[in-house]
Amino acid sequence: MKVKILAAAGIAATVSSCATTESMSRMNTYKFPVHHVKMADDTYRVYEHKTDNTLMVSPSLGKTMTIGAVQGATLGLADTMAPEKRLEAAARQHLVNTGRGGCRITRGYLLQKPLYEFFFECPTVAPKV
């Protein structure tokens, strides 16, 4: 039984890990460590870009594995994508947690299931004269 479960998990990881070369390159531009953002429905993982005002956000590792397993078991037919609005809320909360509550998310897009990338802008502070 354990062998079947491990085989299913391996297939799920393979099926769900397909990504374009462009998105893989983009994901590699993010820095570690990962920041954990506790929300009501999950604890999200947030990565900050090294130079851009962008955040890469994904559900918890457990949730991500569940998504991969369900998609693998259904050969990708099940739509188990975490809603973008939940991931965006986690990105906003991360900005608040890091002292950037005045910043706003301007847009976001699916980078690779279940990773989203969100762009943000922060108000500029006028120099003191």
Protein backbone atom coordinates (compact mmCIF):
# COMPACT_ATOMS: atom_id res chain seq x y z
CA MET A 1 0.00 0.00 0.00
CA LYS A 2 2.83 2.41 0.88
CA VAL A 3 4.46 1.72 -2.48
CA LYS A 4 1.24 2.68 -4.30
CA ILE A 5 0.97 5.90 -2.30
CA LEU A 6 4.60 6.81 -2.98
CA ALA A 7 4.19 6.01 -6.68
CA ALA A 8 1.06 8.17 -6.87
CA ALA A 9 2.87 11.02 -5.11
CA GLY A 10 5.79 10.72 -7.55
CA ILE A 11 3.47 10.81 -10.55
CA ALA A 12 1.60 13.76 -9.08
CA ALA A 13 4.83 15.68 -8.54
CA THR A 14 5.92 14.97 -12.09
CA VAL A 15 2.61 15.97 -13.65
CA SER A 16 2.28 19.13 -11.59
CA SER A 17 5.88 20.24 -11.98
CA CYS A 18 5.73 21.00 -15.71
CA ALA A 19 6.79 24.59 -16.28
CA THR A 20 8.05 26.68 -19.14
CA THR A 21 11.71 27.55 -19.34
CA GLU A 22 10.76 31.22 -18.91
CA SER A 23 8.83 30.63 -15.68
CA MET A 24 11.60 28.39 -14.31
CA SER A 25 14.15 31.12 -15.03
CA ARG A 26 11.93 33.69 -13.32
CA MET A 27 11.47 31.50 -10.24
CA ASN A 28 15.25 31.19 -9.91
CA THR A 29 15.56 34.96 -9.51
CA TYR A 30 13.88 34.88 -6.10
CA LYS A 31 15.90 34.84 -2.91
CA PHE A 32 15.64 32.80 0.23
CA PRO A 33 14.73 32.50 3.04
CA VAL A 34 11.08 31.76 2.63
CA HIS A 35 8.70 33.87 4.70
CA HIS A 36 5.69 32.10 6.22
CA VAL A 37 2.46 34.08 6.35
CA LYS A 38 -0.27 32.63 8.56
CA MET A 39 -3.75 33.26 7.19
CA ALA A 40 -7.12 31.84 8.27
CA ASP A 41 -7.14 29.11 5.61
CA ASP A 42 -3.44 28.17 5.32
CA THR A 43 0.12 29.23 6.01
CA TYR A 44 1.47 30.61 2.76
CA ARG A 45 5.09 30.72 1.60
CA VAL A 46 6.31 34.08 0.30
CA TYR A 47 9.59 34.74 -1.48
CA GLU A 48 10.90 38.22 -2.24
CA HIS A 49 12.58 39.00 -5.53
CA LYS A 50 16.24 39.98 -5.34
CA THR A 51 15.85 43.27 -7.25
CA ASP A 52 12.23 43.76 -8.39
CA ASN A 53 9.22 44.80 -6.33
CA THR A 54 7.67 41.38 -6.73
CA LEU A 55 6.68 38.53 -4.47
CA MET A 56 6.28 34.86 -5.33
CA VAL A 57 3.56 33.23 -3.23
CA SER A 58 2.47 29.62 -2.85
CA PRO A 59 0.27 27.65 -0.47
CA SER A 60 1.88 25.65 2.33
CA LEU A 61 3.97 22.64 1.35
CA GLY A 62 1.22 20.28 2.55
CA LYS A 63 -1.42 22.06 0.46
CA THR A 64 0.89 22.07 -2.56
CA MET A 65 1.49 18.32 -2.22
CA THR A 66 -2.26 17.73 -1.97
CA ILE A 67 -2.82 19.76 -5.14
CA GLY A 68 -0.15 17.74 -6.95
CA ALA A 69 -1.52 14.41 -5.72
CA VAL A 70 -5.08 15.21 -6.79
CA GLN A 71 -3.95 16.43 -10.20
CA GLY A 72 -1.74 13.38 -10.62
CA ALA A 73 -4.53 10.98 -9.64
CA THR A 74 -6.92 12.63 -12.11
CA LEU A 75 -4.23 13.01 -14.81
CA GLY A 76 -4.47 16.78 -14.50
CA LEU A 77 -8.22 16.95 -15.01
CA ALA A 78 -9.05 18.18 -11.51
CA ASP A 79 -8.84 21.94 -11.06
CA THR A 80 -7.25 22.21 -7.63
CA MET A 81 -5.71 25.64 -8.05
CA ALA A 82 -5.70 27.80 -4.96
CA PRO A 83 -7.66 30.96 -5.76
CA GLU A 84 -5.50 33.92 -6.74
CA LYS A 85 -7.26 36.21 -4.25
CA ARG A 86 -6.12 34.09 -1.29
CA LEU A 87 -2.54 34.20 -2.51
CA GLU A 88 -2.80 37.95 -3.10
CA ALA A 89 -4.12 38.44 0.44
CA ALA A 90 -1.08 36.54 1.75
CA ALA A 91 1.20 38.79 -0.33
CA ARG A 92 -0.49 41.90 1.12
CA GLN A 93 -0.16 40.49 4.64
CA HIS A 94 3.55 39.86 4.06
CA LEU A 95 3.98 43.51 3.08
CA VAL A 96 2.20 44.55 6.31
CA ASN A 97 4.32 42.10 8.35
CA THR A 98 7.53 43.59 6.91
CA GLY A 99 6.62 47.22 7.59
CA ARG A 100 5.39 48.01 4.09
CA GLY A 101 1.68 48.30 4.78
CA GLY A 102 1.47 51.41 2.60
CA CYS A 103 2.47 49.43 -0.48
CA ARG A 104 -0.17 48.04 -2.81
CA ILE A 105 -0.36 45.01 -5.06
CA THR A 106 -0.72 46.21 -8.65
CA ARG A 107 -1.09 42.91 -10.50
CA GLY A 108 -0.42 39.21 -10.31
CA TYR A 109 -0.29 36.17 -12.53
CA LEU A 110 0.15 32.41 -12.39
CA LEU A 111 3.84 31.61 -12.65
CA GLN A 112 3.48 27.84 -12.34
CA LYS A 113 0.78 25.92 -10.48
CA PRO A 114 0.41 26.75 -7.60
CA LEU A 115 2.91 29.66 -7.60
CA TYR A 116 1.74 33.20 -8.26
CA GLU A 117 3.85 36.28 -8.78
CA PHE A 118 2.59 39.64 -7.53
CA PHE A 119 3.94 43.07 -8.39
CA PHE A 120 3.72 45.83 -5.80
CA GLU A 121 4.38 49.55 -5.58
CA CYS A 122 5.29 51.55 -2.52
CA PRO A 123 4.75 55.26 -2.03
CA THR A 124 7.87 57.32 -2.50
CA VAL A 125 9.03 59.40 0.39
CA ALA A 126 10.05 62.94 -0.43
CA PRO A 127 13.57 63.77 0.75
CA LYS A 128 13.84 66.05 3.76
CA VAL A 129 15.06 69.52 2.89
